[in-house]
Each structure stands twice: as C-alpha cells, then as structure tokens.
C-alpha atoms as a PDB file:
ATOM      1  CA  MET A   1       2.612  12.198 -75.329  1.00  0.00           C
ATOM      2  CA  LYS A   2       6.833  12.363 -74.771  1.00  0.00           C
ATOM      3  CA  LEU A   3       7.994  13.276 -71.531  1.00  0.00           C
ATOM      4  CA  GLU A   4      11.920  14.023 -72.046  1.00  0.00           C
ATOM      5  CA  VAL A   5      14.205  14.386 -68.903  1.00  0.00           C
ATOM      6  CA  ASN A   6      17.667  16.131 -68.743  1.00  0.00           C
ATOM      7  CA  ILE A   7      19.605  15.323 -66.293  1.00  0.00           C
ATOM      8  CA  GLU A   8      23.246  15.828 -66.516  1.00  0.00           C
ATOM      9  CA  LYS A   9      25.225  13.026 -65.301  1.00  0.00           C
ATOM     10  CA  LYS A  10      27.255  14.231 -62.936  1.00  0.00           C
ATOM     11  CA  TYR A  11      23.731  15.531 -61.230  1.00  0.00           C
ATOM     12  CA  PHE A  12      21.696  11.833 -62.356  1.00  0.00           C
ATOM     13  CA  PHE A  13      24.947  10.189 -59.821  1.00  0.00           C
ATOM     14  CA  ILE A  14      23.910  12.088 -56.666  1.00  0.00           C
ATOM     15  CA  LEU A  15      20.846  12.261 -57.151  1.00  0.00           C
ATOM     16  CA  LEU A  16      21.378   7.591 -57.750  1.00  0.00           C
ATOM     17  CA  GLY A  17      24.175   7.947 -54.368  1.00  0.00           C
ATOM     18  CA  VAL A  18      21.177   9.708 -52.748  1.00  0.00           C
ATOM     19  CA  MET A  19      18.834   7.257 -52.532  1.00  0.00           C
ATOM     20  CA  ILE A  20      20.771   4.353 -52.415  1.00  0.00           C
ATOM     21  CA  ILE A  21      22.591   6.040 -49.633  1.00  0.00           C
ATOM     22  CA  LEU A  22      18.690   6.392 -47.748  1.00  0.00           C
ATOM     23  CA  GLY A  23      17.660   2.951 -49.032  1.00  0.00           C
ATOM     24  CA  ILE A  24      20.667   1.399 -47.233  1.00  0.00           C
ATOM     25  CA  SER A  25      20.101   3.921 -44.031  1.00  0.00           C
ATOM     26  CA  VAL A  26      16.304   2.485 -44.030  1.00  0.00           C
ATOM     27  CA  GLY A  27      17.920  -0.729 -44.226  1.00  0.00           C
ATOM     28  CA  VAL A  28      19.893  -0.780 -41.553  1.00  0.00           C
ATOM     29  CA  TYR A  29      17.743   1.418 -39.651  1.00  0.00           C
ATOM     30  CA  ALA A  30      15.342  -1.852 -39.829  1.00  0.00           C
ATOM     31  CA  VAL A  31      17.346  -5.023 -38.763  1.00  0.00           C
ATOM     32  CA  LEU A  32      19.287  -2.915 -36.050  1.00  0.00           C
ATOM     33  CA  GLY A  33      16.858  -0.651 -34.884  1.00  0.00           C
ATOM     34  CA  THR A  34      15.541  -0.380 -31.684  1.00  0.00           C
ATOM     35  CA  THR A  35      13.618  -3.497 -29.984  1.00  0.00           C
ATOM     36  CA  PRO A  36      10.653  -3.493 -28.013  1.00  0.00           C
ATOM     37  CA  ASN A  37      10.306  -3.671 -24.231  1.00  0.00           C
ATOM     38  CA  PRO A  38       8.961  -7.260 -24.322  1.00  0.00           C
ATOM     39  CA  GLY A  39       7.810  -6.233 -20.285  1.00  0.00           C
ATOM     40  CA  HIS A  40      10.346  -7.793 -17.769  1.00  0.00           C
ATOM     41  CA  ALA A  41      14.314  -9.178 -17.841  1.00  0.00           C
ATOM     42  CA  ILE A  42      14.257 -13.441 -17.213  1.00  0.00           C
ATOM     43  CA  SER A  43      15.744 -12.310 -13.745  1.00  0.00           C
ATOM     44  CA  GLU A  44      12.437 -10.506 -12.644  1.00  0.00           C
ATOM     45  CA  LEU A  45      10.472 -13.857 -13.233  1.00  0.00           C
ATOM     46  CA  GLN A  46       9.853 -16.229 -10.852  1.00  0.00           C
ATOM     47  CA  LYS A  47      11.784 -19.730 -11.469  1.00  0.00           C
ATOM     48  CA  CYS A  48      10.298 -23.081 -10.188  1.00  0.00           C
ATOM     49  CA  SER A  49      13.777 -25.622  -9.920  1.00  0.00           C
ATOM     50  CA  GLU A  50      13.465 -28.816 -11.801  1.00  0.00           C
ATOM     51  CA  GLY A  51       9.507 -31.056 -11.478  1.00  0.00           C
ATOM     52  CA  GLU A  52       8.520 -28.041  -9.772  1.00  0.00           C
ATOM     53  CA  THR A  53       5.233 -26.134 -10.808  1.00  0.00           C
ATOM     54  CA  LEU A  54       4.028 -22.467 -10.867  1.00  0.00           C
ATOM     55  CA  LYS A  55       0.725 -21.422  -9.539  1.00  0.00           C
ATOM     56  CA  ILE A  56      -1.289 -19.280  -7.605  1.00  0.00           C
ATOM     57  CA  ILE A  57      -1.926 -19.636  -3.620  1.00  0.00           C
ATOM     58  CA  GLY A  58      -3.959 -17.777  -1.526  1.00  0.00           C
ATOM     59  CA  GLY A  59      -3.422 -14.996  -4.122  1.00  0.00           C
ATOM     60  CA  VAL A  60       0.752 -14.884  -3.558  1.00  0.00           C
ATOM     61  CA  TRP A  61       3.356 -17.415  -6.618  1.00  0.00           C
ATOM     62  CA  SER A  62       4.644 -20.181  -5.326  1.00  0.00           C
ATOM     63  CA  CYS A  63       6.873 -23.293  -6.478  1.00  0.00           C
ATOM     64  CA  GLY A  64       5.889 -26.163  -5.609  1.00  0.00           C
ATOM     65  CA  GLY A  65       6.055 -30.321  -6.699  1.00  0.00           C
ATOM     66  CA  SER A  66       3.292 -33.096  -6.143  1.00  0.00           C
ATOM     67  CA  PHE A  67       2.357 -32.530  -2.276  1.00  0.00           C
ATOM     68  CA  GLY A  68       3.101 -29.990  -0.409  1.00  0.00           C
ATOM     69  CA  THR A  69       4.797 -31.221   3.647  1.00  0.00           C
ATOM     70  CA  TRP A  70       2.175 -33.430   6.179  1.00  0.00           C
ATOM     71  CA  GLU A  71       1.028 -31.213   8.863  1.00  0.00           C
ATOM     72  CA  ASP A  72      -0.071 -32.683  11.976  1.00  0.00           C
ATOM     73  CA  LYS A  73      -4.046 -32.009  12.519  1.00  0.00           C
ATOM     74  CA  THR A  74      -4.532 -33.605  15.142  1.00  0.00           C
ATOM     75  CA  SER A  75      -5.052 -31.053  18.150  1.00  0.00           C
ATOM     76  CA  VAL A  76      -7.240 -29.269  15.967  1.00  0.00           C
ATOM     77  CA  ALA A  77      -9.263 -32.086  14.059  1.00  0.00           C
ATOM     78  CA  SER A  78      -9.621 -34.275  17.172  1.00  0.00           C
ATOM     79  CA  GLY A  79     -13.011 -34.466  18.116  1.00  0.00           C
ATOM     80  CA  GLY A  80     -14.555 -34.192  14.778  1.00  0.00           C
ATOM     81  CA  ALA A  81     -13.795 -30.139  15.152  1.00  0.00           C
ATOM     82  CA  VAL A  82     -14.101 -28.700  11.316  1.00  0.00           C
ATOM     83  CA  GLN A  83     -10.865 -27.860   9.212  1.00  0.00           C
ATOM     84  CA  GLY A  84     -10.995 -25.833   6.227  1.00  0.00           C
ATOM     85  CA  PRO A  85     -12.212 -23.781   3.844  1.00  0.00           C
ATOM     86  CA  VAL A  86      -8.502 -25.536   2.618  1.00  0.00           C
ATOM     87  CA  LEU A  87      -6.523 -23.334   0.276  1.00  0.00           C
ATOM     88  CA  THR A  88      -5.845 -26.456  -2.183  1.00  0.00           C
ATOM     89  CA  ASP A  89      -7.138 -29.947  -2.988  1.00  0.00           C
ATOM     90  CA  GLY A  90      -5.020 -32.114  -0.119  1.00  0.00           C
ATOM     91  CA  PHE A  91      -5.479 -35.213   1.407  1.00  0.00           C
ATOM     92  CA  VAL A  92      -6.043 -36.428   4.807  1.00  0.00           C
ATOM     93  CA  TYR A  93      -5.150 -39.774   6.571  1.00  0.00           C
ATOM     94  CA  ALA A  94      -6.418 -40.708  10.413  1.00  0.00           C
ATOM     95  CA  TYR A  95      -5.684 -43.636  12.535  1.00  0.00           C
ATOM     96  CA  GLY A  96      -7.291 -44.683  16.017  1.00  0.00           C
ATOM     97  CA  ASN A  97      -6.159 -46.348  18.599  1.00  0.00           C
ATOM     98  CA  GLY A  98      -8.179 -49.318  19.284  1.00  0.00           C
ATOM     99  CA  GLY A  99      -9.919 -50.906  22.747  1.00  0.00           C
ATOM    100  CA  HIS A 100     -11.265 -54.118  23.290  1.00  0.00           C
ATOM    101  CA  CYS A 101     -14.270 -53.539  21.825  1.00  0.00           C
ATOM    102  CA  GLY A 102     -15.529 -51.355  18.226  1.00  0.00           C
ATOM    103  CA  GLY A 103     -15.310 -48.168  17.182  1.00  0.00           C
ATOM    104  CA  GLY A 104     -15.175 -46.662  14.229  1.00  0.00           C
ATOM    105  CA  ILE A 105     -12.961 -43.576  11.809  1.00  0.00           C
ATOM    106  CA  TYR A 106     -15.164 -41.727   9.593  1.00  0.00           C
ATOM    107  CA  GLY A 107     -13.580 -38.722   7.078  1.00  0.00           C
ATOM    108  CA  TYR A 108     -16.675 -36.104   6.118  1.00  0.00           C
ATOM    109  CA  THR A 109     -15.953 -33.078   3.194  1.00  0.00           C
ATOM    110  CA  ASP A 110     -18.077 -31.470   0.720  1.00  0.00           C
ATOM    111  CA  SER A 111     -18.756 -27.674   0.892  1.00  0.00           C
ATOM    112  CA  SER A 112     -20.490 -26.671   3.709  1.00  0.00           C
ATOM    113  CA  THR A 113     -18.857 -25.250   7.153  1.00  0.00           C
ATOM    114  CA  ASN A 114     -19.821 -27.938   8.753  1.00  0.00           C
ATOM    115  CA  PRO A 115     -19.639 -31.256   6.592  1.00  0.00           C
ATOM    116  CA  SER A 116     -22.163 -34.024   5.800  1.00  0.00           C
ATOM    117  CA  VAL A 117     -20.990 -36.624   3.475  1.00  0.00           C
ATOM    118  CA  ILE A 118     -19.023 -39.462   4.959  1.00  0.00           C
ATOM    119  CA  ARG A 119     -15.510 -40.044   1.769  1.00  0.00           C
ATOM    120  CA  SER A 120     -14.514 -42.643   4.334  1.00  0.00           C
ATOM    121  CA  THR A 121     -14.850 -44.627   7.406  1.00  0.00           C
ATOM    122  CA  GLY A 122     -12.308 -47.603   8.864  1.00  0.00           C
ATOM    123  CA  GLY A 123     -12.454 -49.687  12.744  1.00  0.00           C
ATOM    124  CA  SER A 124     -14.222 -53.303  13.267  1.00  0.00           C
ATOM    125  CA  GLY A 125     -16.168 -54.921  15.432  1.00  0.00           C
ATOM    126  CA  TYR A 126     -13.035 -56.452  17.402  1.00  0.00           C
ATOM    127  CA  ILE A 127     -10.284 -54.520  18.188  1.00  0.00           C
ATOM    128  CA  ASP A 128      -7.585 -55.931  20.459  1.00  0.00           C
ATOM    129  CA  VAL A 129      -4.001 -55.190  18.929  1.00  0.00           C
ATOM    130  CA  GLY A 130      -3.960 -51.292  19.213  1.00  0.00           C
ATOM    131  CA  GLY A 131      -5.447 -50.003  16.355  1.00  0.00           C
ATOM    132  CA  GLY A 132      -8.768 -48.624  15.328  1.00  0.00           C
ATOM    133  CA  GLY A 133      -8.973 -48.431  11.885  1.00  0.00           C
ATOM    134  CA  THR A 134      -7.524 -45.872   9.262  1.00  0.00           C
ATOM    135  CA  ILE A 135      -9.141 -43.756   6.947  1.00  0.00           C
ATOM    136  CA  GLU A 136      -8.088 -41.635   3.713  1.00  0.00           C
ATOM    137  CA  MET A 137      -9.476 -38.726   1.926  1.00  0.00           C
ATOM    138  CA  ALA A 138      -9.192 -36.254  -0.481  1.00  0.00           C
ATOM    139  CA  VAL A 139     -10.456 -32.446   0.111  1.00  0.00           C
ATOM    140  CA  LYS A 140     -11.399 -30.229  -2.704  1.00  0.00           C
ATOM    141  CA  LYS A 141     -10.362 -27.135  -2.364  1.00  0.00           C
ATOM    142  CA  GLY A 142     -12.138 -24.768  -1.428  1.00  0.00           C
ATOM    143  CA  ASN A 143     -13.713 -27.534   0.600  1.00  0.00           C
ATOM    144  CA  TYR A 144     -14.205 -27.967   4.565  1.00  0.00           C
ATOM    145  CA  TRP A 145     -13.211 -31.445   6.449  1.00  0.00           C
ATOM    146  CA  LYS A 146     -13.766 -33.319   9.393  1.00  0.00           C
ATOM    147  CA  VAL A 147     -12.573 -36.023  11.388  1.00  0.00           C
ATOM    148  CA  THR A 148     -14.367 -38.054  14.006  1.00  0.00           C
ATOM    149  CA  SER A 149     -14.770 -41.620  15.772  1.00  0.00           C
ATOM    150  CA  SER A 150     -17.555 -44.242  17.220  1.00  0.00           C
ATOM    151  CA  GLY A 151     -17.890 -46.273  19.985  1.00  0.00           C
ATOM    152  CA  CYS A 152     -15.096 -46.684  22.480  1.00  0.00           C
ATOM    153  CA  LEU A 153     -11.944 -45.804  19.670  1.00  0.00           C
ATOM    154  CA  GLY A 154      -9.721 -43.900  21.805  1.00  0.00           C
ATOM    155  CA  ILE A 155      -7.722 -41.029  20.879  1.00  0.00           C
ATOM    156  CA  TYR A 156      -6.629 -40.289  16.531  1.00  0.00           C
ATOM    157  CA  ASN A 157      -4.283 -38.433  15.343  1.00  0.00           C
ATOM    158  CA  VAL A 158      -5.063 -36.685  12.266  1.00  0.00           C
ATOM    159  CA  TYR A 159      -2.458 -35.459   9.318  1.00  0.00           C
ATOM    160  CA  TRP A 160      -3.412 -33.157   6.611  1.00  0.00           C
ATOM    161  CA  ILE A 161      -0.958 -32.806   3.603  1.00  0.00           C
ATOM    162  CA  PRO A 162      -2.047 -30.339   0.176  1.00  0.00           C
ATOM    163  CA  PHE A 163      -1.085 -30.772  -2.871  1.00  0.00           C
ATOM    164  CA  GLY A 164       1.278 -28.666  -4.113  1.00  0.00           C
END
C-alpha cells in the first residue's frame, strides 16, 4: 500500500509556518500564563518578631515568646480561692509571711473545679525571719489551681505567669 501526498511547496511552507507559530504560542502561554492565586498575599499573613511563636490562644491567633507577663493574683487567689480553667500552660509562684510559729503553703492543681492534688508545698516548723516558705507549681492548660496555707502563716502573695 502506497500513500502519496502532493502539496505544492508554497502550501507546505505556509502550513509549516502556522504549526511553528501555534507551537510557540502554546509554549509562551505555558511559561508566562496566569499564575494561580495562592490564597493570601504575604502582607495579609500574621507576622511574628524574631524569637516569637505564632499560636492560637482562646481562639485568637497571636505571637508570643516563651512566657507571658507576670500577673499578681494575690487579691483573687489568697485564701484558697480556685482559679481557672487556665487558657494556657503556666506557673504559679507563691510565698508567705511567717511569724513566730510554724506554717505551710500548699499548691493544688488538677482538672477538677476544686483541685485536690497537692503539687507543691513549702514552709517550716519555726519561722522567725519574716518568710513563710515559697512554692512553684506548673499548671496545665484547662486545669484549675489554688493556694492555701496552714498554721499561723501570714498573708501570702500569689503570682501567675502564662507560658506563651
């Protein structure tokens, strides 16, 4: 079987030229065509400073470092008032003012609305130096915490520092 095609030279070169132009057009469009939308411009994204971490706290995006700001909780946490649930992991620091007798300071934290697990204790048998012991206690996100005292331990100061 033999197939013969008879095309004049001028028509052959016209057809070849059209095919080359189409090929170049497809190539240029593939390289320089429209760019897909990535969703957001860089200027719309949350930016954190060096050393900060982007995170969600209470449903809000924010930047933060390792620790937040110290919060004085003395007026709301003295006397064993329960705090929480906390929005982030953090630490409680508390110290007491002693007298001429023994006393202790206790830190409780767990997932209960009235925490009963002692995580930290401080104090001594006989205090004559104005100090009544200190405690430091880690508290997990979502947990509750409280600080109590025993004996004749005087007024104590309570501080909270959130992680992040």
